[in-house]
N, C-alpha and C. Protein backbone atom coordinates (compact mmCIF):
# COMPACT_ATOMS: atom_id res chain seq x y z
N UNK A 1 17.51 11.03 21.93
CA UNK A 1 17.12 9.99 21.01
C UNK A 1 18.41 9.28 20.58
N UNK A 2 18.31 8.02 20.44
CA UNK A 2 19.40 7.16 20.00
C UNK A 2 19.37 7.08 18.46
N UNK A 3 20.53 7.27 17.79
CA UNK A 3 20.55 7.31 16.37
C UNK A 3 21.22 6.09 15.72
N UNK A 4 21.55 5.11 16.56
CA UNK A 4 22.18 3.91 15.99
C UNK A 4 21.33 3.19 14.97
N UNK A 5 20.02 3.15 15.18
CA UNK A 5 19.12 2.54 14.22
C UNK A 5 19.12 3.29 12.89
N UNK A 6 19.23 4.61 12.98
CA UNK A 6 19.32 5.43 11.73
C UNK A 6 20.55 5.11 10.99
N UNK A 7 21.67 4.94 11.68
CA UNK A 7 22.94 4.59 10.99
C UNK A 7 22.89 3.21 10.42
N UNK A 8 22.20 2.27 11.04
CA UNK A 8 22.01 0.92 10.47
C UNK A 8 21.15 1.01 9.23
N UNK A 9 20.09 1.84 9.27
CA UNK A 9 19.27 2.05 8.11
C UNK A 9 20.08 2.61 6.98
N UNK A 10 20.89 3.62 7.25
CA UNK A 10 21.78 4.19 6.22
C UNK A 10 22.67 3.10 5.60
N UNK A 11 23.23 2.24 6.42
CA UNK A 11 24.08 1.15 5.90
C UNK A 11 23.24 0.18 5.06
N UNK A 12 22.00 -0.08 5.47
CA UNK A 12 21.15 -0.96 4.75
C UNK A 12 20.75 -0.38 3.39
N UNK A 13 20.52 0.91 3.40
CA UNK A 13 20.23 1.61 2.08
C UNK A 13 21.39 1.46 1.14
N UNK A 14 22.59 1.74 1.68
CA UNK A 14 23.78 1.64 0.81
C UNK A 14 24.04 0.20 0.29
N UNK A 15 23.59 -0.74 1.08
CA UNK A 15 23.78 -2.16 0.67
C UNK A 15 22.65 -2.64 -0.25
N UNK A 16 21.59 -1.87 -0.40
CA UNK A 16 20.46 -2.30 -1.18
C UNK A 16 20.77 -2.39 -2.70
N UNK A 17 19.99 -3.24 -3.34
CA UNK A 17 20.17 -3.37 -4.80
C UNK A 17 19.85 -2.04 -5.49
N UNK A 18 18.83 -1.31 -5.02
CA UNK A 18 18.44 -0.03 -5.61
C UNK A 18 19.65 0.96 -5.63
N UNK A 19 20.28 1.07 -4.44
CA UNK A 19 21.35 1.98 -4.31
C UNK A 19 22.52 1.55 -5.14
N UNK A 20 22.83 0.27 -5.09
CA UNK A 20 24.02 -0.26 -5.78
C UNK A 20 23.89 -0.08 -7.32
N UNK A 21 22.70 -0.39 -7.81
CA UNK A 21 22.43 -0.26 -9.23
C UNK A 21 22.51 1.21 -9.66
N UNK A 22 21.84 2.09 -8.87
CA UNK A 22 21.85 3.49 -9.17
C UNK A 22 23.31 4.02 -9.26
N UNK A 23 24.06 3.73 -8.23
CA UNK A 23 25.40 4.35 -8.16
C UNK A 23 26.37 3.76 -9.20
N UNK A 24 26.22 2.54 -9.57
CA UNK A 24 27.10 1.97 -10.62
C UNK A 24 26.76 2.61 -11.95
N UNK A 25 25.46 2.80 -12.23
CA UNK A 25 25.06 3.44 -13.49
C UNK A 25 25.37 4.90 -13.50
N UNK A 26 25.23 5.56 -12.35
CA UNK A 26 25.54 7.00 -12.23
C UNK A 26 26.99 7.35 -12.64
N UNK A 27 27.86 6.56 -12.14
CA UNK A 27 29.23 6.82 -12.42
C UNK A 27 29.56 6.79 -13.94
N UNK A 28 28.89 5.86 -14.65
CA UNK A 28 29.11 5.72 -16.07
C UNK A 28 28.37 6.77 -16.85
N UNK A 29 27.10 6.98 -16.52
CA UNK A 29 26.24 7.94 -17.25
C UNK A 29 26.69 9.33 -17.09
N UNK A 30 26.94 9.71 -15.85
CA UNK A 30 27.28 11.10 -15.56
C UNK A 30 28.70 11.44 -15.82
N UNK A 31 29.53 10.42 -16.20
CA UNK A 31 30.89 10.69 -16.56
C UNK A 31 31.10 11.35 -17.88
N UNK A 32 30.04 11.27 -18.74
CA UNK A 32 30.06 11.86 -20.07
C UNK A 32 29.42 13.25 -19.90
N UNK A 33 30.17 14.37 -20.10
CA UNK A 33 29.73 15.68 -19.75
C UNK A 33 28.46 16.15 -20.51
N UNK A 34 28.41 15.93 -21.79
CA UNK A 34 27.24 16.35 -22.53
C UNK A 34 25.98 15.65 -22.06
N UNK A 35 26.12 14.35 -21.83
CA UNK A 35 24.96 13.57 -21.32
C UNK A 35 24.59 14.01 -19.92
N UNK A 36 25.54 14.30 -19.08
CA UNK A 36 25.28 14.79 -17.73
C UNK A 36 24.55 16.11 -17.78
N UNK A 37 24.95 17.01 -18.67
CA UNK A 37 24.31 18.30 -18.82
C UNK A 37 22.86 18.14 -19.23
N UNK A 38 22.62 17.27 -20.15
CA UNK A 38 21.23 16.95 -20.62
C UNK A 38 20.36 16.41 -19.43
N UNK A 39 20.94 15.55 -18.64
CA UNK A 39 20.21 15.01 -17.49
C UNK A 39 19.92 16.07 -16.48
N UNK A 40 20.89 16.96 -16.23
CA UNK A 40 20.68 18.05 -15.29
C UNK A 40 19.55 18.96 -15.80
N UNK A 41 19.52 19.25 -17.10
CA UNK A 41 18.46 20.09 -17.69
C UNK A 41 17.14 19.33 -17.60
N UNK A 42 17.07 18.08 -17.85
CA UNK A 42 15.90 17.25 -17.75
C UNK A 42 15.31 17.38 -16.33
N UNK A 43 16.19 17.24 -15.32
CA UNK A 43 15.74 17.27 -13.91
C UNK A 43 15.24 18.69 -13.60
N UNK A 44 15.93 19.69 -14.06
CA UNK A 44 15.56 21.07 -13.79
C UNK A 44 14.18 21.34 -14.31
N UNK A 45 13.91 20.97 -15.55
CA UNK A 45 12.63 21.18 -16.23
C UNK A 45 11.53 20.38 -15.52
N UNK A 46 11.90 19.12 -15.13
CA UNK A 46 10.92 18.28 -14.48
C UNK A 46 10.44 18.94 -13.16
N UNK A 47 11.38 19.44 -12.32
CA UNK A 47 11.00 20.07 -11.06
C UNK A 47 10.24 21.30 -11.33
N UNK A 48 10.70 22.14 -12.27
CA UNK A 48 10.00 23.40 -12.61
C UNK A 48 8.56 23.15 -13.01
N UNK A 49 8.35 22.21 -13.91
CA UNK A 49 7.00 21.87 -14.36
C UNK A 49 6.19 21.36 -13.23
N UNK A 50 6.71 20.47 -12.44
CA UNK A 50 5.97 19.89 -11.33
C UNK A 50 5.55 21.03 -10.26
N UNK A 51 6.49 21.92 -9.98
CA UNK A 51 6.26 23.03 -9.04
C UNK A 51 5.14 23.91 -9.56
N UNK A 52 5.21 24.27 -10.82
CA UNK A 52 4.19 25.10 -11.43
C UNK A 52 2.79 24.39 -11.35
N UNK A 53 2.78 23.13 -11.73
CA UNK A 53 1.55 22.41 -11.70
C UNK A 53 0.94 22.32 -10.30
N UNK A 54 1.79 22.05 -9.34
CA UNK A 54 1.30 21.94 -7.97
C UNK A 54 0.80 23.23 -7.36
N UNK A 55 1.41 24.33 -7.86
CA UNK A 55 1.01 25.67 -7.31
C UNK A 55 -0.14 26.26 -8.14
N UNK A 56 -0.58 25.58 -9.15
CA UNK A 56 -1.67 26.04 -9.99
C UNK A 56 -1.29 27.02 -11.05
N UNK A 57 -0.02 27.22 -11.24
CA UNK A 57 0.48 28.10 -12.30
C UNK A 57 0.42 27.44 -13.67
N UNK A 58 0.23 28.21 -14.68
CA UNK A 58 0.20 27.69 -16.04
C UNK A 58 1.62 27.23 -16.40
N UNK A 59 1.73 26.06 -17.00
CA UNK A 59 3.04 25.58 -17.47
C UNK A 59 3.25 26.06 -18.92
N UNK A 60 4.37 26.61 -19.14
CA UNK A 60 4.74 27.17 -20.47
C UNK A 60 4.79 25.98 -21.50
N UNK A 61 4.03 26.07 -22.56
CA UNK A 61 4.05 24.97 -23.53
C UNK A 61 5.44 24.71 -24.11
N UNK A 62 6.28 25.73 -24.18
CA UNK A 62 7.65 25.49 -24.71
C UNK A 62 8.45 24.70 -23.67
N UNK A 63 8.24 24.91 -22.40
CA UNK A 63 8.97 24.08 -21.38
C UNK A 63 8.49 22.63 -21.50
N UNK A 64 7.19 22.46 -21.63
CA UNK A 64 6.63 21.11 -21.73
C UNK A 64 7.19 20.41 -22.99
N UNK A 65 7.24 21.15 -24.09
CA UNK A 65 7.80 20.53 -25.32
C UNK A 65 9.24 20.20 -25.14
N UNK A 66 10.00 21.08 -24.53
CA UNK A 66 11.44 20.82 -24.30
C UNK A 66 11.64 19.62 -23.40
N UNK A 67 10.81 19.57 -22.37
CA UNK A 67 10.91 18.41 -21.45
C UNK A 67 10.55 17.13 -22.18
N UNK A 68 9.59 17.17 -22.99
CA UNK A 68 9.18 15.97 -23.72
C UNK A 68 10.26 15.50 -24.71
N UNK A 69 10.87 16.47 -25.37
CA UNK A 69 11.93 16.15 -26.31
C UNK A 69 13.16 15.60 -25.56
N UNK A 70 13.49 16.23 -24.44
CA UNK A 70 14.62 15.69 -23.66
C UNK A 70 14.32 14.31 -23.12
N UNK A 71 13.09 14.07 -22.68
CA UNK A 71 12.72 12.78 -22.17
C UNK A 71 12.88 11.68 -23.29
N UNK A 72 12.37 12.01 -24.45
CA UNK A 72 12.52 11.07 -25.59
C UNK A 72 13.97 10.78 -25.89
N UNK A 73 14.75 11.81 -25.94
CA UNK A 73 16.20 11.65 -26.23
C UNK A 73 16.88 10.81 -25.17
N UNK A 74 16.68 11.18 -23.94
CA UNK A 74 17.38 10.50 -22.88
C UNK A 74 16.93 9.03 -22.68
N UNK A 75 15.62 8.82 -22.72
CA UNK A 75 15.17 7.46 -22.53
C UNK A 75 15.37 6.57 -23.74
N UNK A 76 15.79 7.15 -24.90
CA UNK A 76 16.13 6.32 -26.06
C UNK A 76 17.51 5.71 -25.94
N UNK A 77 18.33 6.24 -25.03
CA UNK A 77 19.70 5.70 -24.83
C UNK A 77 19.61 4.63 -23.74
N UNK A 78 19.91 3.39 -24.07
CA UNK A 78 19.70 2.29 -23.14
C UNK A 78 20.35 2.49 -21.71
N UNK A 79 21.56 2.94 -21.70
CA UNK A 79 22.26 3.11 -20.40
C UNK A 79 21.63 4.22 -19.61
N UNK A 80 21.26 5.34 -20.30
CA UNK A 80 20.62 6.48 -19.60
C UNK A 80 19.23 6.08 -19.12
N UNK A 81 18.50 5.35 -19.96
CA UNK A 81 17.19 4.83 -19.57
C UNK A 81 17.34 4.01 -18.30
N UNK A 82 18.27 3.05 -18.25
CA UNK A 82 18.47 2.19 -17.07
C UNK A 82 18.84 3.10 -15.85
N UNK A 83 19.68 4.06 -16.06
CA UNK A 83 20.03 4.96 -14.96
C UNK A 83 18.84 5.76 -14.40
N UNK A 84 18.06 6.37 -15.28
CA UNK A 84 16.93 7.12 -14.82
C UNK A 84 15.88 6.26 -14.12
N UNK A 85 15.67 5.05 -14.68
CA UNK A 85 14.75 4.14 -14.01
C UNK A 85 15.28 3.68 -12.66
N UNK A 86 16.59 3.41 -12.60
CA UNK A 86 17.19 3.06 -11.30
C UNK A 86 17.09 4.17 -10.30
N UNK A 87 17.23 5.40 -10.78
CA UNK A 87 17.07 6.56 -9.91
C UNK A 87 15.63 6.64 -9.35
N UNK A 88 14.66 6.42 -10.21
CA UNK A 88 13.25 6.42 -9.78
C UNK A 88 12.98 5.34 -8.78
N UNK A 89 13.54 4.15 -8.99
CA UNK A 89 13.35 3.03 -8.04
C UNK A 89 13.93 3.44 -6.67
N UNK A 90 15.13 4.04 -6.66
CA UNK A 90 15.75 4.40 -5.42
C UNK A 90 14.94 5.49 -4.72
N UNK A 91 14.49 6.50 -5.49
CA UNK A 91 13.65 7.54 -4.93
C UNK A 91 12.37 6.98 -4.33
N UNK A 92 11.74 6.01 -4.99
CA UNK A 92 10.52 5.37 -4.46
C UNK A 92 10.83 4.66 -3.16
N UNK A 93 11.93 3.94 -3.12
CA UNK A 93 12.29 3.20 -1.91
C UNK A 93 12.49 4.17 -0.74
N UNK A 94 13.16 5.26 -0.99
CA UNK A 94 13.46 6.31 0.06
C UNK A 94 12.14 6.94 0.45
N UNK A 95 11.22 7.20 -0.50
CA UNK A 95 9.90 7.76 -0.12
C UNK A 95 9.12 6.79 0.73
N UNK A 96 9.21 5.50 0.43
CA UNK A 96 8.55 4.48 1.28
C UNK A 96 9.05 4.51 2.68
N UNK A 97 10.44 4.58 2.80
CA UNK A 97 11.03 4.60 4.12
C UNK A 97 10.66 5.84 4.86
N UNK A 98 10.64 7.01 4.15
CA UNK A 98 10.22 8.27 4.80
C UNK A 98 8.79 8.13 5.36
N UNK A 99 7.92 7.53 4.60
CA UNK A 99 6.56 7.33 5.05
C UNK A 99 6.47 6.46 6.29
N UNK A 100 7.25 5.38 6.29
CA UNK A 100 7.23 4.51 7.46
C UNK A 100 7.76 5.26 8.72
N UNK A 101 8.76 6.03 8.55
CA UNK A 101 9.33 6.78 9.66
C UNK A 101 8.39 7.86 10.13
N UNK A 102 7.80 8.60 9.22
CA UNK A 102 6.91 9.71 9.68
C UNK A 102 5.62 9.11 10.24
N UNK A 103 5.13 7.97 9.73
CA UNK A 103 3.95 7.31 10.32
C UNK A 103 4.29 6.86 11.77
N UNK A 104 5.50 6.33 11.94
CA UNK A 104 5.91 5.89 13.29
C UNK A 104 5.98 7.07 14.27
N UNK A 105 6.31 8.24 13.79
CA UNK A 105 6.39 9.45 14.60
C UNK A 105 5.04 10.10 14.75
N UNK A 106 4.05 9.62 14.07
CA UNK A 106 2.68 10.19 14.16
C UNK A 106 2.57 11.51 13.40
N UNK A 107 3.53 11.73 12.46
CA UNK A 107 3.44 12.94 11.65
C UNK A 107 2.56 12.73 10.46
N UNK A 108 1.81 13.74 10.08
CA UNK A 108 0.95 13.66 8.91
C UNK A 108 1.56 14.52 7.84
N UNK A 109 2.47 14.02 7.07
CA UNK A 109 3.15 14.75 6.04
C UNK A 109 2.67 14.25 4.70
N UNK A 110 2.09 15.10 3.91
CA UNK A 110 1.61 14.72 2.60
C UNK A 110 2.64 15.03 1.55
N UNK A 111 3.15 14.03 0.83
CA UNK A 111 4.05 14.28 -0.27
C UNK A 111 3.31 14.20 -1.55
N UNK A 112 3.75 15.05 -2.52
CA UNK A 112 3.10 14.93 -3.85
C UNK A 112 3.38 13.56 -4.53
N UNK A 113 2.41 13.11 -5.27
CA UNK A 113 2.58 11.82 -5.98
C UNK A 113 2.41 10.69 -5.07
């Protein structure tokens, strides 16, 4: 299989507005250690809650409350809000690309959400 198209796609992703916005905000937001630690904890809780929900396990109300409090705190900071939204947009674009590629290959891969 020839991979030159994949390398062109990688270059196109790096040139995209979604990637550029995400990476410029990431450098600024994640440069502050306390803020970066809060974002890492937010992501950890987010994945943990999603995994439990998808597997049918009960989600600990304390985890849900902590996630909600962290979300409120982080999204109340304009630059962090912009960063997290930019991250979501980039993730959505990559999910769309993944779907296009898997559809072209005839693979039936179901992603959550």
